[in-house]
């Protein structure tokens, strides 16, 4: 989870992380620092 965008913060303070299918295994098995590099925040 990441901090919510300004537009969504009034609804909830966090947003789900969106991963590409090919990054699922890395997200599950990488160190926390490595996993955070996979986050894609919607624009």
N, C-alpha and C. Protein backbone atom coordinates (compact mmCIF):
# COMPACT_ATOMS: atom_id res chain seq x y z
N UNK A 1 0.84 -1.17 0.00
CA UNK A 1 0.00 0.00 0.00
C UNK A 1 0.89 1.24 0.00
N UNK A 2 0.36 2.26 -0.58
CA UNK A 2 1.05 3.55 -0.62
C UNK A 2 0.11 4.63 -0.11
N UNK A 3 0.66 5.79 0.17
CA UNK A 3 -0.19 6.90 0.61
C UNK A 3 -1.17 7.27 -0.49
N UNK A 4 -2.34 7.68 -0.10
CA UNK A 4 -3.37 8.06 -1.06
C UNK A 4 -3.00 9.36 -1.76
N UNK A 5 -3.50 9.50 -2.96
CA UNK A 5 -3.34 10.76 -3.68
C UNK A 5 -4.20 11.82 -3.01
N UNK A 6 -3.91 13.06 -3.30
CA UNK A 6 -4.66 14.17 -2.71
C UNK A 6 -6.15 14.03 -2.97
N UNK A 7 -6.51 13.59 -4.17
CA UNK A 7 -7.92 13.47 -4.54
C UNK A 7 -8.65 12.40 -3.73
N UNK A 8 -7.95 11.37 -3.31
CA UNK A 8 -8.58 10.25 -2.62
C UNK A 8 -8.38 10.24 -1.11
N UNK A 9 -7.55 11.14 -0.60
CA UNK A 9 -7.21 11.10 0.81
C UNK A 9 -8.42 11.24 1.73
N UNK A 10 -9.43 12.00 1.32
CA UNK A 10 -10.63 12.16 2.16
C UNK A 10 -11.43 10.86 2.27
N UNK A 11 -11.27 9.97 1.30
CA UNK A 11 -11.98 8.69 1.31
C UNK A 11 -11.20 7.65 2.12
N UNK A 12 -9.89 7.57 1.88
CA UNK A 12 -9.04 6.61 2.59
C UNK A 12 -7.61 7.09 2.48
N UNK A 13 -6.80 6.82 3.52
CA UNK A 13 -5.43 7.32 3.53
C UNK A 13 -4.43 6.44 2.78
N UNK A 14 -4.88 5.32 2.24
CA UNK A 14 -3.98 4.42 1.52
C UNK A 14 -4.57 4.03 0.18
N UNK A 15 -3.69 3.60 -0.71
CA UNK A 15 -4.12 3.11 -2.03
C UNK A 15 -3.48 1.75 -2.26
N UNK A 16 -4.13 0.88 -2.99
CA UNK A 16 -3.51 -0.42 -3.30
C UNK A 16 -2.34 -0.24 -4.26
N UNK A 17 -1.44 -1.16 -4.20
CA UNK A 17 -0.33 -1.17 -5.15
C UNK A 17 -0.80 -1.89 -6.40
N UNK A 18 -0.48 -1.36 -7.56
CA UNK A 18 -0.84 -1.99 -8.83
C UNK A 18 0.42 -2.60 -9.41
N UNK A 19 0.37 -3.90 -9.63
CA UNK A 19 1.52 -4.61 -10.17
C UNK A 19 1.21 -5.18 -11.54
N UNK A 20 2.24 -5.23 -12.37
CA UNK A 20 2.10 -5.93 -13.64
C UNK A 20 2.12 -7.43 -13.33
N UNK A 21 1.41 -8.24 -14.09
CA UNK A 21 1.39 -9.69 -13.82
C UNK A 21 2.79 -10.29 -13.73
N UNK A 22 3.71 -9.83 -14.54
CA UNK A 22 5.06 -10.39 -14.52
C UNK A 22 5.84 -10.02 -13.25
N UNK A 23 5.32 -9.09 -12.45
CA UNK A 23 5.99 -8.69 -11.21
C UNK A 23 5.42 -9.37 -9.97
N UNK A 24 4.37 -10.18 -10.12
CA UNK A 24 3.73 -10.80 -8.96
C UNK A 24 4.71 -11.64 -8.13
N UNK A 25 5.47 -12.49 -8.76
CA UNK A 25 6.40 -13.36 -8.03
C UNK A 25 7.47 -12.54 -7.31
N UNK A 26 7.99 -11.53 -7.99
CA UNK A 26 9.01 -10.67 -7.36
C UNK A 26 8.42 -9.96 -6.15
N UNK A 27 7.18 -9.49 -6.25
CA UNK A 27 6.53 -8.80 -5.13
C UNK A 27 6.41 -9.73 -3.92
N UNK A 28 6.08 -10.98 -4.18
CA UNK A 28 5.87 -11.93 -3.09
C UNK A 28 7.17 -12.42 -2.47
N UNK A 29 8.26 -12.45 -3.24
CA UNK A 29 9.47 -13.10 -2.76
C UNK A 29 10.67 -12.17 -2.61
N UNK A 30 10.55 -10.93 -2.99
CA UNK A 30 11.67 -9.98 -2.90
C UNK A 30 11.75 -9.40 -1.49
N UNK A 31 12.88 -8.77 -1.21
CA UNK A 31 12.99 -8.03 0.05
C UNK A 31 12.03 -6.84 -0.03
N UNK A 32 11.74 -6.24 1.10
CA UNK A 32 10.81 -5.10 1.13
C UNK A 32 11.32 -3.96 0.24
N UNK A 33 12.61 -3.66 0.31
CA UNK A 33 13.16 -2.58 -0.52
C UNK A 33 13.04 -2.89 -2.00
N UNK A 34 13.31 -4.12 -2.38
CA UNK A 34 13.19 -4.51 -3.79
C UNK A 34 11.73 -4.49 -4.24
N UNK A 35 10.83 -4.96 -3.39
CA UNK A 35 9.41 -4.99 -3.74
C UNK A 35 8.87 -3.59 -3.97
N UNK A 36 9.31 -2.63 -3.19
CA UNK A 36 8.81 -1.27 -3.35
C UNK A 36 9.19 -0.65 -4.69
N UNK A 37 10.22 -1.15 -5.33
CA UNK A 37 10.59 -0.63 -6.64
C UNK A 37 9.61 -1.06 -7.72
N UNK A 38 8.73 -2.03 -7.41
CA UNK A 38 7.77 -2.54 -8.39
C UNK A 38 6.47 -1.75 -8.41
N UNK A 39 6.25 -0.90 -7.42
CA UNK A 39 5.00 -0.14 -7.33
C UNK A 39 4.81 0.75 -8.55
N UNK A 40 3.59 0.78 -9.03
CA UNK A 40 3.22 1.69 -10.11
C UNK A 40 2.04 2.51 -9.61
N UNK A 41 2.28 3.77 -9.37
CA UNK A 41 1.22 4.63 -8.87
C UNK A 41 0.45 5.20 -10.06
N UNK A 42 -0.86 5.00 -10.11
CA UNK A 42 -1.65 5.53 -11.22
C UNK A 42 -1.55 7.05 -11.30
N UNK A 43 -1.46 7.55 -12.48
CA UNK A 43 -1.37 9.00 -12.69
C UNK A 43 -2.73 9.58 -12.98
